[in-house]
PDB file of N, CA and C in Angstrom:
ATOM      1  N   MET A   1       0.848  -1.178   0.000  1.00  0.00           N
ATOM      2  CA  MET A   1       0.000   0.000   0.000  1.00  0.00           C
ATOM      3  C   MET A   1       0.892   1.239   0.000  1.00  0.00           C
ATOM      4  N   PRO A   2       0.570   2.185  -0.868  1.00  0.00           N
ATOM      5  CA  PRO A   2       1.391   3.401  -0.935  1.00  0.00           C
ATOM      6  C   PRO A   2       1.174   4.291   0.281  1.00  0.00           C
ATOM      7  N   GLY A   3       2.184   5.081   0.582  1.00  0.00           N
ATOM      8  CA  GLY A   3       2.034   6.091   1.620  1.00  0.00           C
ATOM      9  C   GLY A   3       1.317   7.287   1.046  1.00  0.00           C
ATOM     10  N   GLY A   4       0.990   8.225   1.885  1.00  0.00           N
ATOM     11  CA  GLY A   4       0.330   9.440   1.431  1.00  0.00           C
ATOM     12  C   GLY A   4      -0.855   9.767   2.305  1.00  0.00           C
ATOM     13  N   THR A   5      -1.617  10.729   1.874  1.00  0.00           N
ATOM     14  CA  THR A   5      -2.786  11.187   2.612  1.00  0.00           C
ATOM     15  C   THR A   5      -4.043  10.651   1.942  1.00  0.00           C
ATOM     16  N   LEU A   6      -4.898  10.008   2.729  1.00  0.00           N
ATOM     17  CA  LEU A   6      -6.158   9.467   2.218  1.00  0.00           C
ATOM     18  C   LEU A   6      -7.204  10.577   2.206  1.00  0.00           C
ATOM     19  N   ARG A   7      -7.808  10.791   1.043  1.00  0.00           N
ATOM     20  CA  ARG A   7      -8.860  11.811   0.917  1.00  0.00           C
ATOM     21  C   ARG A   7     -10.200  11.163   1.246  1.00  0.00           C
ATOM     22  N   PRO A   8     -10.874  11.618   2.296  1.00  0.00           N
ATOM     23  CA  PRO A   8     -12.113  10.965   2.726  1.00  0.00           C
ATOM     24  C   PRO A   8     -13.247  11.021   1.707  1.00  0.00           C
ATOM     25  N   HIS A   9     -13.322  12.080   0.905  1.00  0.00           N
ATOM     26  CA  HIS A   9     -14.464  12.219  -0.004  1.00  0.00           C
ATOM     27  C   HIS A   9     -14.398  11.318  -1.229  1.00  0.00           C
ATOM     28  N   ASN A  10     -13.199  10.831  -1.592  1.00  0.00           N
ATOM     29  CA  ASN A  10     -13.117   9.946  -2.761  1.00  0.00           C
ATOM     30  C   ASN A  10     -12.149   8.782  -2.580  1.00  0.00           C
ATOM     31  N   SER A  11     -11.592   8.632  -1.397  1.00  0.00           N
ATOM     32  CA  SER A  11     -10.642   7.559  -1.061  1.00  0.00           C
ATOM     33  C   SER A  11      -9.377   7.596  -1.899  1.00  0.00           C
ATOM     34  N   GLY A  12      -9.092   8.727  -2.521  1.00  0.00           N
ATOM     35  CA  GLY A  12      -7.850   8.884  -3.268  1.00  0.00           C
ATOM     36  C   GLY A  12      -6.676   9.080  -2.326  1.00  0.00           C
ATOM     37  N   ILE A  13      -5.522   8.606  -2.728  1.00  0.00           N
ATOM     38  CA  ILE A  13      -4.304   8.792  -1.941  1.00  0.00           C
ATOM     39  C   ILE A  13      -3.452   9.826  -2.659  1.00  0.00           C
ATOM     40  N   ILE A  14      -3.076  10.879  -1.940  1.00  0.00           N
ATOM     41  CA  ILE A  14      -2.339  11.980  -2.541  1.00  0.00           C
ATOM     42  C   ILE A  14      -1.091  12.293  -1.733  1.00  0.00           C
ATOM     43  N   GLY A  15      -0.230  13.124  -2.319  1.00  0.00           N
ATOM     44  CA  GLY A  15       0.957  13.593  -1.622  1.00  0.00           C
ATOM     45  C   GLY A  15       2.234  13.032  -2.208  1.00  0.00           C
ATOM     46  N   PRO A  16       3.380  13.517  -1.727  1.00  0.00           N
ATOM     47  CA  PRO A  16       4.683  13.103  -2.264  1.00  0.00           C
ATOM     48  C   PRO A  16       4.949  11.603  -2.155  1.00  0.00           C
ATOM     49  N   SER A  17       4.530  10.980  -1.062  1.00  0.00           N
ATOM     50  CA  SER A  17       4.752   9.534  -0.910  1.00  0.00           C
ATOM     51  C   SER A  17       3.973   8.746  -1.952  1.00  0.00           C
ATOM     52  N   ALA A  18       2.751   9.174  -2.225  1.00  0.00           N
ATOM     53  CA  ALA A  18       1.935   8.502  -3.240  1.00  0.00           C
ATOM     54  C   ALA A  18       2.543   8.685  -4.626  1.00  0.00           C
ATOM     55  N   ALA A  19       3.025   9.888  -4.925  1.00  0.00           N
ATOM     56  CA  ALA A  19       3.658  10.146  -6.228  1.00  0.00           C
ATOM     57  C   ALA A  19       4.915   9.306  -6.387  1.00  0.00           C
ATOM     58  N   ALA A  20       5.709   9.185  -5.329  1.00  0.00           N
ATOM     59  CA  ALA A  20       6.929   8.368  -5.384  1.00  0.00           C
ATOM     60  C   ALA A  20       6.583   6.899  -5.616  1.00  0.00           C
ATOM     61  N   PHE A  21       5.522   6.421  -4.999  1.00  0.00           N
ATOM     62  CA  PHE A  21       5.084   5.042  -5.184  1.00  0.00           C
ATOM     63  C   PHE A  21       4.685   4.794  -6.635  1.00  0.00           C
ATOM     64  N   VAL A  22       3.882   5.687  -7.195  1.00  0.00           N
ATOM     65  CA  VAL A  22       3.410   5.565  -8.575  1.00  0.00           C
ATOM     66  C   VAL A  22       4.577   5.600  -9.559  1.00  0.00           C
ATOM     67  N   ALA A  23       5.609   6.360  -9.246  1.00  0.00           N
ATOM     68  CA  ALA A  23       6.763   6.503 -10.148  1.00  0.00           C
ATOM     69  C   ALA A  23       7.485   5.184 -10.381  1.00  0.00           C
ATOM     70  N   GLY A  24       7.261   4.201  -9.531  1.00  0.00           N
ATOM     71  CA  GLY A  24       7.906   2.906  -9.685  1.00  0.00           C
ATOM     72  C   GLY A  24       7.205   1.974 -10.653  1.00  0.00           C
ATOM     73  N   PHE A  25       6.142   2.420 -11.267  1.00  0.00           N
ATOM     74  CA  PHE A  25       5.352   1.574 -12.158  1.00  0.00           C
ATOM     75  C   PHE A  25       5.275   2.166 -13.558  1.00  0.00           C
ATOM     76  N   ARG A  26       4.996   1.315 -14.531  1.00  0.00           N
ATOM     77  CA  ARG A  26       4.756   1.730 -15.909  1.00  0.00           C
ATOM     78  C   ARG A  26       3.440   1.081 -16.325  1.00  0.00           C
ATOM     79  N   ALA A  27       2.470   1.892 -16.732  1.00  0.00           N
ATOM     80  CA  ALA A  27       1.151   1.381 -17.107  1.00  0.00           C
ATOM     81  C   ALA A  27       0.961   1.456 -18.614  1.00  0.00           C
ATOM     82  N   ASP A  28       0.245   0.494 -19.167  1.00  0.00           N
ATOM     83  CA  ASP A  28      -0.134   0.579 -20.574  1.00  0.00           C
ATOM     84  C   ASP A  28      -1.199   1.653 -20.755  1.00  0.00           C
ATOM     85  N   TYR A  29      -2.197   1.666 -19.871  1.00  0.00           N
ATOM     86  CA  TYR A  29      -3.307   2.610 -19.988  1.00  0.00           C
ATOM     87  C   TYR A  29      -3.575   3.291 -18.653  1.00  0.00           C
ATOM     88  N   LEU A  30      -3.852   4.572 -18.728  1.00  0.00           N
ATOM     89  CA  LEU A  30      -4.309   5.350 -17.581  1.00  0.00           C
ATOM     90  C   LEU A  30      -5.656   5.953 -17.954  1.00  0.00           C
ATOM     91  N   VAL A  31      -6.663   5.694 -17.148  1.00  0.00           N
ATOM     92  CA  VAL A  31      -7.964   6.339 -17.308  1.00  0.00           C
ATOM     93  C   VAL A  31      -8.068   7.355 -16.176  1.00  0.00           C
ATOM     94  N   THR A  32      -8.206   8.614 -16.531  1.00  0.00           N
ATOM     95  CA  THR A  32      -8.210   9.671 -15.523  1.00  0.00           C
ATOM     96  C   THR A  32      -9.101  10.819 -15.958  1.00  0.00           C
ATOM     97  N   SER A  33      -9.257  11.771 -15.076  1.00  0.00           N
ATOM     98  CA  SER A  33      -9.979  12.995 -15.381  1.00  0.00           C
ATOM     99  C   SER A  33      -9.138  14.166 -14.897  1.00  0.00           C
ATOM    100  N   VAL A  34      -9.645  15.358 -15.095  1.00  0.00           N
ATOM    101  CA  VAL A  34      -8.941  16.568 -14.677  1.00  0.00           C
ATOM    102  C   VAL A  34      -9.957  17.556 -14.110  1.00  0.00           C
ATOM    103  N   GLY A  35      -9.450  18.598 -13.474  1.00  0.00           N
ATOM    104  CA  GLY A  35     -10.326  19.637 -12.958  1.00  0.00           C
ATOM    105  C   GLY A  35     -10.808  20.577 -14.040  1.00  0.00           C
ATOM    106  N   ALA A  36      -9.942  20.829 -15.034  1.00  0.00           N
ATOM    107  CA  ALA A  36     -10.284  21.767 -16.106  1.00  0.00           C
ATOM    108  C   ALA A  36      -9.417  21.501 -17.328  1.00  0.00           C
ATOM    109  N   ILE A  37      -9.955  21.868 -18.500  1.00  0.00           N
ATOM    110  CA  ILE A  37      -9.207  21.811 -19.759  1.00  0.00           C
ATOM    111  C   ILE A  37      -9.312  23.190 -20.397  1.00  0.00           C
ATOM    112  N   GLU A  38      -8.187  23.844 -20.586  1.00  0.00           N
ATOM    113  CA  GLU A  38      -8.167  25.173 -21.205  1.00  0.00           C
ATOM    114  C   GLU A  38      -8.248  25.042 -22.727  1.00  0.00           C
ATOM    115  N   SER A  39      -8.666  26.091 -23.401  1.00  0.00           N
ATOM    116  CA  SER A  39      -8.787  26.055 -24.862  1.00  0.00           C
ATOM    117  C   SER A  39      -7.434  25.904 -25.551  1.00  0.00           C
ATOM    118  N   ASP A  40      -6.328  26.208 -24.848  1.00  0.00           N
ATOM    119  CA  ASP A  40      -4.991  26.006 -25.413  1.00  0.00           C
ATOM    120  C   ASP A  40      -4.467  24.595 -25.168  1.00  0.00           C
ATOM    121  N   GLY A  41      -5.304  23.737 -24.551  1.00  0.00           N
ATOM    122  CA  GLY A  41      -4.935  22.347 -24.325  1.00  0.00           C
ATOM    123  C   GLY A  41      -4.358  22.048 -22.959  1.00  0.00           C
ATOM    124  N   ALA A  42      -4.177  23.057 -22.125  1.00  0.00           N
ATOM    125  CA  ALA A  42      -3.636  22.822 -20.783  1.00  0.00           C
ATOM    126  C   ALA A  42      -4.614  21.985 -19.964  1.00  0.00           C
ATOM    127  N   LEU A  43      -4.065  20.990 -19.262  1.00  0.00           N
ATOM    128  CA  LEU A  43      -4.840  20.153 -18.353  1.00  0.00           C
ATOM    129  C   LEU A  43      -4.532  20.627 -16.942  1.00  0.00           C
ATOM    130  N   LEU A  44      -5.572  20.912 -16.161  1.00  0.00           N
ATOM    131  CA  LEU A  44      -5.392  21.540 -14.853  1.00  0.00           C
ATOM    132  C   LEU A  44      -6.097  20.764 -13.753  1.00  0.00           C
ATOM    133  N   GLU A  45      -5.553  20.872 -12.549  1.00  0.00           N
ATOM    134  CA  GLU A  45      -6.144  20.296 -11.343  1.00  0.00           C
ATOM    135  C   GLU A  45      -6.300  21.383 -10.297  1.00  0.00           C
ATOM    136  N   PHE A  46      -7.124  21.121  -9.301  1.00  0.00           N
ATOM    137  CA  PHE A  46      -7.377  22.090  -8.239  1.00  0.00           C
ATOM    138  C   PHE A  46      -6.371  21.976  -7.097  1.00  0.00           C
ATOM    139  N   ASP A  47      -5.957  20.771  -6.782  1.00  0.00           N
ATOM    140  CA  ASP A  47      -5.144  20.502  -5.597  1.00  0.00           C
ATOM    141  C   ASP A  47      -3.726  20.121  -6.003  1.00  0.00           C
ATOM    142  N   VAL A  48      -2.732  20.798  -5.452  1.00  0.00           N
ATOM    143  CA  VAL A  48      -1.337  20.553  -5.825  1.00  0.00           C
ATOM    144  C   VAL A  48      -0.894  19.137  -5.468  1.00  0.00           C
ATOM    145  N   ASN A  49      -1.392  18.583  -4.367  1.00  0.00           N
ATOM    146  CA  ASN A  49      -1.009  17.225  -3.979  1.00  0.00           C
ATOM    147  C   ASN A  49      -1.613  16.181  -4.909  1.00  0.00           C
ATOM    148  N   GLU A  50      -2.857  16.390  -5.307  1.00  0.00           N
ATOM    149  CA  GLU A  50      -3.483  15.491  -6.277  1.00  0.00           C
ATOM    150  C   GLU A  50      -2.792  15.625  -7.630  1.00  0.00           C
ATOM    151  N   ALA A  51      -2.463  16.851  -7.990  1.00  0.00           N
ATOM    152  CA  ALA A  51      -1.810  17.113  -9.275  1.00  0.00           C
ATOM    153  C   ALA A  51      -0.486  16.376  -9.393  1.00  0.00           C
ATOM    154  N   SER A  52       0.283  16.320  -8.328  1.00  0.00           N
ATOM    155  CA  SER A  52       1.590  15.652  -8.403  1.00  0.00           C
ATOM    156  C   SER A  52       1.439  14.162  -8.664  1.00  0.00           C
ATOM    157  N   VAL A  53       0.417  13.554  -8.079  1.00  0.00           N
ATOM    158  CA  VAL A  53       0.186  12.121  -8.303  1.00  0.00           C
ATOM    159  C   VAL A  53      -0.275  11.881  -9.739  1.00  0.00           C
ATOM    160  N   VAL A  54      -1.238  12.666 -10.209  1.00  0.00           N
ATOM    161  CA  VAL A  54      -1.759  12.491 -11.573  1.00  0.00           C
ATOM    162  C   VAL A  54      -0.665  12.762 -12.607  1.00  0.00           C
ATOM    163  N   LYS A  55       0.124  13.795 -12.388  1.00  0.00           N
ATOM    164  CA  LYS A  55       1.211  14.127 -13.317  1.00  0.00           C
ATOM    165  C   LYS A  55       2.218  12.978 -13.403  1.00  0.00           C
ATOM    166  N   THR A  56       2.536  12.385 -12.269  1.00  0.00           N
ATOM    167  CA  THR A  56       3.453  11.242 -12.248  1.00  0.00           C
ATOM    168  C   THR A  56       2.843  10.047 -12.962  1.00  0.00           C
ATOM    169  N   MET A  57       1.554   9.793 -12.717  1.00  0.00           N
ATOM    170  CA  MET A  57       0.877   8.686 -13.393  1.00  0.00           C
ATOM    171  C   MET A  57       0.880   8.891 -14.903  1.00  0.00           C
ATOM    172  N   MET A  58       0.637  10.122 -15.341  1.00  0.00           N
ATOM    173  CA  MET A  58       0.637  10.417 -16.773  1.00  0.00           C
ATOM    174  C   MET A  58       2.016  10.175 -17.383  1.00  0.00           C
ATOM    175  N   ALA A  59       3.049  10.568 -16.674  1.00  0.00           N
ATOM    176  CA  ALA A  59       4.415  10.404 -17.179  1.00  0.00           C
ATOM    177  C   ALA A  59       4.820   8.940 -17.277  1.00  0.00           C
ATOM    178  N   HIS A  60       4.142   8.069 -16.537  1.00  0.00           N
ATOM    179  CA  HIS A  60       4.492   6.655 -16.520  1.00  0.00           C
ATOM    180  C   HIS A  60       3.446   5.778 -17.198  1.00  0.00           C
ATOM    181  N   SER A  61       2.651   6.369 -18.079  1.00  0.00           N
ATOM    182  CA  SER A  61       1.619   5.624 -18.805  1.00  0.00           C
ATOM    183  C   SER A  61       1.820   5.779 -20.304  1.00  0.00           C
ATOM    184  N   ARG A  62       1.671   4.681 -21.017  1.00  0.00           N
ATOM    185  CA  ARG A  62       1.866   4.707 -22.471  1.00  0.00           C
ATOM    186  C   ARG A  62       0.692   5.360 -23.198  1.00  0.00           C
ATOM    187  N   HIS A  63      -0.521   5.143 -22.700  1.00  0.00           N
ATOM    188  CA  HIS A  63      -1.737   5.682 -23.315  1.00  0.00           C
ATOM    189  C   HIS A  63      -2.593   6.315 -22.219  1.00  0.00           C
ATOM    190  N   ILE A  64      -3.026   7.547 -22.455  1.00  0.00           N
ATOM    191  CA  ILE A  64      -3.850   8.254 -21.475  1.00  0.00           C
ATOM    192  C   ILE A  64      -5.241   8.462 -22.058  1.00  0.00           C
ATOM    193  N   LEU A  65      -6.234   7.911 -21.373  1.00  0.00           N
ATOM    194  CA  LEU A  65      -7.629   8.061 -21.759  1.00  0.00           C
ATOM    195  C   LEU A  65      -8.250   9.047 -20.776  1.00  0.00           C
ATOM    196  N   LEU A  66      -8.654  10.194 -21.284  1.00  0.00           N
ATOM    197  CA  LEU A  66      -9.165  11.268 -20.440  1.00  0.00           C
ATOM    198  C   LEU A  66     -10.685  11.293 -20.484  1.00  0.00           C
ATOM    199  N   ALA A  67     -11.316  11.207 -19.330  1.00  0.00           N
ATOM    200  CA  ALA A  67     -12.769  11.309 -19.212  1.00  0.00           C
ATOM    201  C   ALA A  67     -13.087  12.669 -18.603  1.00  0.00           C
ATOM    202  N   ALA A  68     -13.825  13.489 -19.349  1.00  0.00           N
ATOM    203  CA  ALA A  68     -14.134  14.837 -18.868  1.00  0.00           C
ATOM    204  C   ALA A  68     -15.460  15.306 -19.443  1.00  0.00           C
ATOM    205  N   ASP A  69     -16.382  15.687 -18.576  1.00  0.00           N
ATOM    206  CA  ASP A  69     -17.650  16.206 -19.086  1.00  0.00           C
ATOM    207  C   ASP A  69     -17.495  17.668 -19.505  1.00  0.00           C
ATOM    208  N   HIS A  70     -18.553  18.200 -20.102  1.00  0.00           N
ATOM    209  CA  HIS A  70     -18.498  19.542 -20.687  1.00  0.00           C
ATOM    210  C   HIS A  70     -18.171  20.641 -19.675  1.00  0.00           C
ATOM    211  N   THR A  71     -18.435  20.408 -18.394  1.00  0.00           N
ATOM    212  CA  THR A  71     -18.141  21.446 -17.398  1.00  0.00           C
ATOM    213  C   THR A  71     -16.647  21.703 -17.262  1.00  0.00           C
ATOM    214  N   LYS A  72     -15.827  20.750 -17.659  1.00  0.00           N
ATOM    215  CA  LYS A  72     -14.366  20.913 -17.558  1.00  0.00           C
ATOM    216  C   LYS A  72     -13.843  21.943 -18.553  1.00  0.00           C
ATOM    217  N   TYR A  73     -14.590  22.202 -19.637  1.00  0.00           N
ATOM    218  CA  TYR A  73     -14.157  23.181 -20.641  1.00  0.00           C
ATOM    219  C   TYR A  73     -14.295  24.616 -20.136  1.00  0.00           C
ATOM    220  N   HIS A  74     -15.125  24.808 -19.108  1.00  0.00           N
ATOM    221  CA  HIS A  74     -15.383  26.157 -18.602  1.00  0.00           C
ATOM    222  C   HIS A  74     -14.917  26.330 -17.164  1.00  0.00           C
ATOM    223  N   ALA A  75     -14.325  25.296 -16.601  1.00  0.00           N
ATOM    224  CA  ALA A  75     -13.850  25.356 -15.220  1.00  0.00           C
ATOM    225  C   ALA A  75     -12.514  26.088 -15.153  1.00  0.00           C
ATOM    226  N   SER A  76     -12.170  26.488 -13.958  1.00  0.00           N
ATOM    227  CA  SER A  76     -10.897  27.159 -13.735  1.00  0.00           C
ATOM    228  C   SER A  76     -10.167  26.432 -12.613  1.00  0.00           C
ATOM    229  N   ALA A  77      -8.930  26.066 -12.858  1.00  0.00           N
ATOM    230  CA  ALA A  77      -8.103  25.414 -11.843  1.00  0.00           C
ATOM    231  C   ALA A  77      -6.689  25.964 -11.971  1.00  0.00           C
ATOM    232  N   ALA A  78      -5.910  25.858 -10.912  1.00  0.00           N
ATOM    233  CA  ALA A  78      -4.628  26.566 -10.859  1.00  0.00           C
ATOM    234  C   ALA A  78      -3.395  25.734 -11.195  1.00  0.00           C
ATOM    235  N   VAL A  79      -3.466  24.416 -11.033  1.00  0.00           N
ATOM    236  CA  VAL A  79      -2.255  23.602 -11.124  1.00  0.00           C
ATOM    237  C   VAL A  79      -2.201  22.865 -12.465  1.00  0.00           C
ATOM    238  N   GLU A  80      -1.224  23.194 -13.288  1.00  0.00           N
ATOM    239  CA  GLU A  80      -1.086  22.554 -14.599  1.00  0.00           C
ATOM    240  C   GLU A  80      -0.422  21.191 -14.444  1.00  0.00           C
ATOM    241  N   ILE A  81      -1.051  20.176 -15.041  1.00  0.00           N
ATOM    242  CA  ILE A  81      -0.502  18.824 -14.959  1.00  0.00           C
ATOM    243  C   ILE A  81      -0.062  18.282 -16.310  1.00  0.00           C
ATOM    244  N   GLY A  82      -0.385  18.967 -17.378  1.00  0.00           N
ATOM    245  CA  GLY A  82       0.009  18.485 -18.693  1.00  0.00           C
ATOM    246  C   GLY A  82      -0.752  19.204 -19.779  1.00  0.00           C
ATOM    247  N   ASN A  83      -0.775  18.562 -20.943  1.00  0.00           N
ATOM    248  CA  ASN A  83      -1.406  19.131 -22.120  1.00  0.00           C
ATOM    249  C   ASN A  83      -2.139  18.024 -22.861  1.00  0.00           C
ATOM    250  N   VAL A  84      -3.174  18.400 -23.603  1.00  0.00           N
ATOM    251  CA  VAL A  84      -3.926  17.393 -24.355  1.00  0.00           C
ATOM    252  C   VAL A  84      -3.046  16.645 -25.352  1.00  0.00           C
ATOM    253  N   SER A  85      -1.921  17.213 -25.728  1.00  0.00           N
ATOM    254  CA  SER A  85      -1.019  16.525 -26.661  1.00  0.00           C
ATOM    255  C   SER A  85      -0.503  15.211 -26.081  1.00  0.00           C
ATOM    256  N   GLN A  86      -0.620  15.028 -24.774  1.00  0.00           N
ATOM    257  CA  GLN A  86      -0.163  13.805 -24.117  1.00  0.00           C
ATOM    258  C   GLN A  86      -1.211  12.701 -24.126  1.00  0.00           C
ATOM    259  N   ILE A  87      -2.473  13.045 -24.404  1.00  0.00           N
ATOM    260  CA  ILE A  87      -3.521  12.042 -24.272  1.00  0.00           C
ATOM    261  C   ILE A  87      -3.759  11.295 -25.581  1.00  0.00           C
ATOM    262  N   THR A  88      -4.312  10.106 -25.443  1.00  0.00           N
ATOM    263  CA  THR A  88      -4.653   9.272 -26.590  1.00  0.00           C
ATOM    264  C   THR A  88      -6.073   9.547 -27.058  1.00  0.00           C
ATOM    265  N   ALA A  89      -6.981   9.717 -26.090  1.00  0.00           N
ATOM    266  CA  ALA A  89      -8.390   9.932 -26.425  1.00  0.00           C
ATOM    267  C   ALA A  89      -9.075  10.719 -25.321  1.00  0.00           C
ATOM    268  N   LEU A  90     -10.098  11.469 -25.727  1.00  0.00           N
ATOM    269  CA  LEU A  90     -10.952  12.215 -24.803  1.00  0.00           C
ATOM    270  C   LEU A  90     -12.352  11.635 -24.892  1.00  0.00           C
ATOM    271  N   PHE A  91     -12.899  11.229 -23.757  1.00  0.00           N
ATOM    272  CA  PHE A  91     -14.272  10.738 -23.664  1.00  0.00           C
ATOM    273  C   PHE A  91     -15.087  11.817 -22.960  1.00  0.00           C
ATOM    274  N   THR A  92     -16.136  12.307 -23.618  1.00  0.00           N
ATOM    275  CA  THR A  92     -16.867  13.456 -23.111  1.00  0.00           C
ATOM    276  C   THR A  92     -18.335  13.397 -23.494  1.00  0.00           C
ATOM    277  N   ASP A  93     -19.158  14.149 -22.777  1.00  0.00           N
ATOM    278  CA  ASP A  93     -20.587  14.184 -23.089  1.00  0.00           C
ATOM    279  C   ASP A  93     -20.919  15.210 -24.165  1.00  0.00           C
ATOM    280  N   GLU A  94     -20.056  16.197 -24.355  1.00  0.00           N
ATOM    281  CA  GLU A  94     -20.248  17.210 -25.396  1.00  0.00           C
ATOM    282  C   GLU A  94     -18.903  17.537 -26.026  1.00  0.00           C
ATOM    283  N   TYR A  95     -18.923  17.781 -27.316  1.00  0.00           N
ATOM    284  CA  TYR A  95     -17.682  18.176 -27.974  1.00  0.00           C
ATOM    285  C   TYR A  95     -17.224  19.532 -27.447  1.00  0.00           C
ATOM    286  N   PRO A  96     -15.923  19.744 -27.371  1.00  0.00           N
ATOM    287  CA  PRO A  96     -15.416  21.036 -26.896  1.00  0.00           C
ATOM    288  C   PRO A  96     -15.641  22.141 -27.924  1.00  0.00           C
ATOM    289  N   GLY A  97     -15.359  23.383 -27.511  1.00  0.00           N
ATOM    290  CA  GLY A  97     -15.470  24.522 -28.410  1.00  0.00           C
ATOM    291  C   GLY A  97     -14.483  24.426 -29.555  1.00  0.00           C
ATOM    292  N   PRO A  98     -14.633  25.299 -30.550  1.00  0.00           N
ATOM    293  CA  PRO A  98     -13.829  25.217 -31.777  1.00  0.00           C
ATOM    294  C   PRO A  98     -12.314  25.238 -31.550  1.00  0.00           C
ATOM    295  N   ALA A  99     -11.814  26.092 -30.677  1.00  0.00           N
ATOM    296  CA  ALA A  99     -10.360  26.192 -30.481  1.00  0.00           C
ATOM    297  C   ALA A  99      -9.786  24.882 -29.961  1.00  0.00           C
ATOM    298  N   LEU A 100     -10.411  24.321 -28.934  1.00  0.00           N
ATOM    299  CA  LEU A 100      -9.923  23.057 -28.379  1.00  0.00           C
ATOM    300  C   LEU A 100     -10.167  21.913 -29.351  1.00  0.00           C
ATOM    301  N   GLN A 101     -11.312  21.899 -30.012  1.00  0.00           N
ATOM    302  CA  GLN A 101     -11.609  20.847 -30.991  1.00  0.00           C
ATOM    303  C   GLN A 101     -10.568  20.843 -32.109  1.00  0.00           C
ATOM    304  N   ASN A 102     -10.203  22.017 -32.611  1.00  0.00           N
ATOM    305  CA  ASN A 102      -9.176  22.108 -33.661  1.00  0.00           C
ATOM    306  C   ASN A 102      -7.827  21.618 -33.160  1.00  0.00           C
ATOM    307  N   LEU A 103      -7.496  21.956 -31.926  1.00  0.00           N
ATOM    308  CA  LEU A 103      -6.234  21.496 -31.345  1.00  0.00           C
ATOM    309  C   LEU A 103      -6.212  19.977 -31.229  1.00  0.00           C
ATOM    310  N   LEU A 104      -7.301  19.402 -30.757  1.00  0.00           N
ATOM    311  CA  LEU A 104      -7.387  17.946 -30.632  1.00  0.00           C
ATOM    312  C   LEU A 104      -7.249  17.276 -31.997  1.00  0.00           C
ATOM    313  N   GLN A 105      -7.909  17.829 -33.013  1.00  0.00           N
ATOM    314  CA  GLN A 105      -7.809  17.272 -34.365  1.00  0.00           C
ATOM    315  C   GLN A 105      -6.388  17.381 -34.894  1.00  0.00           C
ATOM    316  N   SER A 106      -5.740  18.513 -34.668  1.00  0.00           N
ATOM    317  CA  SER A 106      -4.373  18.696 -35.171  1.00  0.00           C
ATOM    318  C   SER A 106      -3.392  17.747 -34.493  1.00  0.00           C
ATOM    319  N   GLN A 107      -3.696  17.342 -33.270  1.00  0.00           N
ATOM    320  CA  GLN A 107      -2.847  16.395 -32.538  1.00  0.00           C
ATOM    321  C   GLN A 107      -3.271  14.941 -32.788  1.00  0.00           C
ATOM    322  N   GLN A 108      -4.292  14.750 -33.621  1.00  0.00           N
ATOM    323  CA  GLN A 108      -4.839  13.428 -33.949  1.00  0.00           C
ATOM    324  C   GLN A 108      -5.295  12.674 -32.698  1.00  0.00           C
ATOM    325  N   ILE A 109      -5.959  13.412 -31.808  1.00  0.00           N
ATOM    326  CA  ILE A 109      -6.492  12.828 -30.582  1.00  0.00           C
ATOM    327  C   ILE A 109      -7.951  12.467 -30.825  1.00  0.00           C
ATOM    328  N   GLU A 110      -8.282  11.227 -30.563  1.00  0.00           N
ATOM    329  CA  GLU A 110      -9.650  10.761 -30.762  1.00  0.00           C
ATOM    330  C   GLU A 110     -10.566  11.391 -29.714  1.00  0.00           C
ATOM    331  N   VAL A 111     -11.691  11.921 -30.158  1.00  0.00           N
ATOM    332  CA  VAL A 111     -12.706  12.464 -29.255  1.00  0.00           C
ATOM    333  C   VAL A 111     -13.937  11.578 -29.383  1.00  0.00           C
ATOM    334  N   VAL A 112     -14.355  10.992 -28.270  1.00  0.00           N
ATOM    335  CA  VAL A 112     -15.494  10.086 -28.252  1.00  0.00           C
ATOM    336  C   VAL A 112     -16.599  10.734 -27.436  1.00  0.00           C
ATOM    337  N   GLN A 113     -17.718  11.026 -28.102  1.00  0.00           N
ATOM    338  CA  GLN A 113     -18.854  11.602 -27.385  1.00  0.00           C
ATOM    339  C   GLN A 113     -19.712  10.465 -26.859  1.00  0.00           C
ATOM    340  N   VAL A 114     -19.975  10.494 -25.573  1.00  0.00           N
ATOM    341  CA  VAL A 114     -20.798   9.472 -24.931  1.00  0.00           C
ATOM    342  C   VAL A 114     -22.016  10.153 -24.328  1.00  0.00           C
ATOM    343  N   SER A 115     -23.089   9.396 -24.218  1.00  0.00           N
ATOM    344  CA  SER A 115     -24.289   9.952 -23.594  1.00  0.00           C
ATOM    345  C   SER A 115     -24.591   9.147 -22.341  1.00  0.00           C
ATOM    346  N   PRO A 116     -25.258   9.774 -21.382  1.00  0.00           N
ATOM    347  CA  PRO A 116     -25.586   9.046 -20.157  1.00  0.00           C
ATOM    348  C   PRO A 116     -26.536   7.897 -20.462  1.00  0.00           C
ATOM    349  N   SER A 117     -26.392   6.829 -19.708  1.00  0.00           N
ATOM    350  CA  SER A 117     -27.309   5.704 -19.891  1.00  0.00           C
ATOM    351  C   SER A 117     -28.648   6.045 -19.249  1.00  0.00           C
ATOM    352  N   LEU A 118     -29.670   5.309 -19.609  1.00  0.00           N
ATOM    353  CA  LEU A 118     -30.988   5.519 -19.010  1.00  0.00           C
ATOM    354  C   LEU A 118     -30.944   5.268 -17.510  1.00  0.00           C
ATOM    355  N   ASP A 119     -30.101   4.333 -17.071  1.00  0.00           N
ATOM    356  CA  ASP A 119     -29.965   4.049 -15.643  1.00  0.00           C
ATOM    357  C   ASP A 119     -29.467   5.280 -14.898  1.00  0.00           C
ATOM    358  N   ASP A 120     -28.521   6.025 -15.500  1.00  0.00           N
ATOM    359  CA  ASP A 120     -28.000   7.240 -14.871  1.00  0.00           C
ATOM    360  C   ASP A 120     -29.092   8.288 -14.738  1.00  0.00           C
ATOM    361  N   ALA A 121     -29.924   8.421 -15.760  1.00  0.00           N
ATOM    362  CA  ALA A 121     -30.984   9.427 -15.744  1.00  0.00           C
ATOM    363  C   ALA A 121     -32.036   9.095 -14.686  1.00  0.00           C
ATOM    364  N   VAL A 122     -32.326   7.814 -14.522  1.00  0.00           N
ATOM    365  CA  VAL A 122     -33.336   7.393 -13.557  1.00  0.00           C
ATOM    366  C   VAL A 122     -32.837   7.593 -12.132  1.00  0.00           C
ATOM    367  N   SER A 123     -31.558   7.312 -11.886  1.00  0.00           N
ATOM    368  CA  SER A 123     -31.028   7.397 -10.525  1.00  0.00           C
ATOM    369  C   SER A 123     -30.683   8.819 -10.112  1.00  0.00           C
ATOM    370  N   ALA A 124     -30.657   9.747 -11.052  1.00  0.00           N
ATOM    371  CA  ALA A 124     -30.268  11.127 -10.715  1.00  0.00           C
ATOM    372  C   ALA A 124     -31.362  11.902 -10.039  1.00  0.00           C
TER     373      ALA A 124
END
């Protein structure tokens, strides 16, 4: 079990010890999300401790699959963890605005639009 701080609201482990633990591994695929995506492709997080773990995971993964709903295109976060040029695919409920969409196309990043299942709508 890695060291670090356990986040009660999502059971995530964050902090320098967690980042050091993750650095010892190499993953074929990373499925992750972010706090915000800027129109210039910057990927951002809200918490510096969470950002260090995610940034390390991204650096040690061959393929990054990013799951982000449309609210991430308009969110604001302070800690930069990377750029869309690092990801393999974006899974989202709505396509991004023209600037980000053009950037994703120029980087040959697959954008997959998904819709909520009926089960999600019923339970909401």
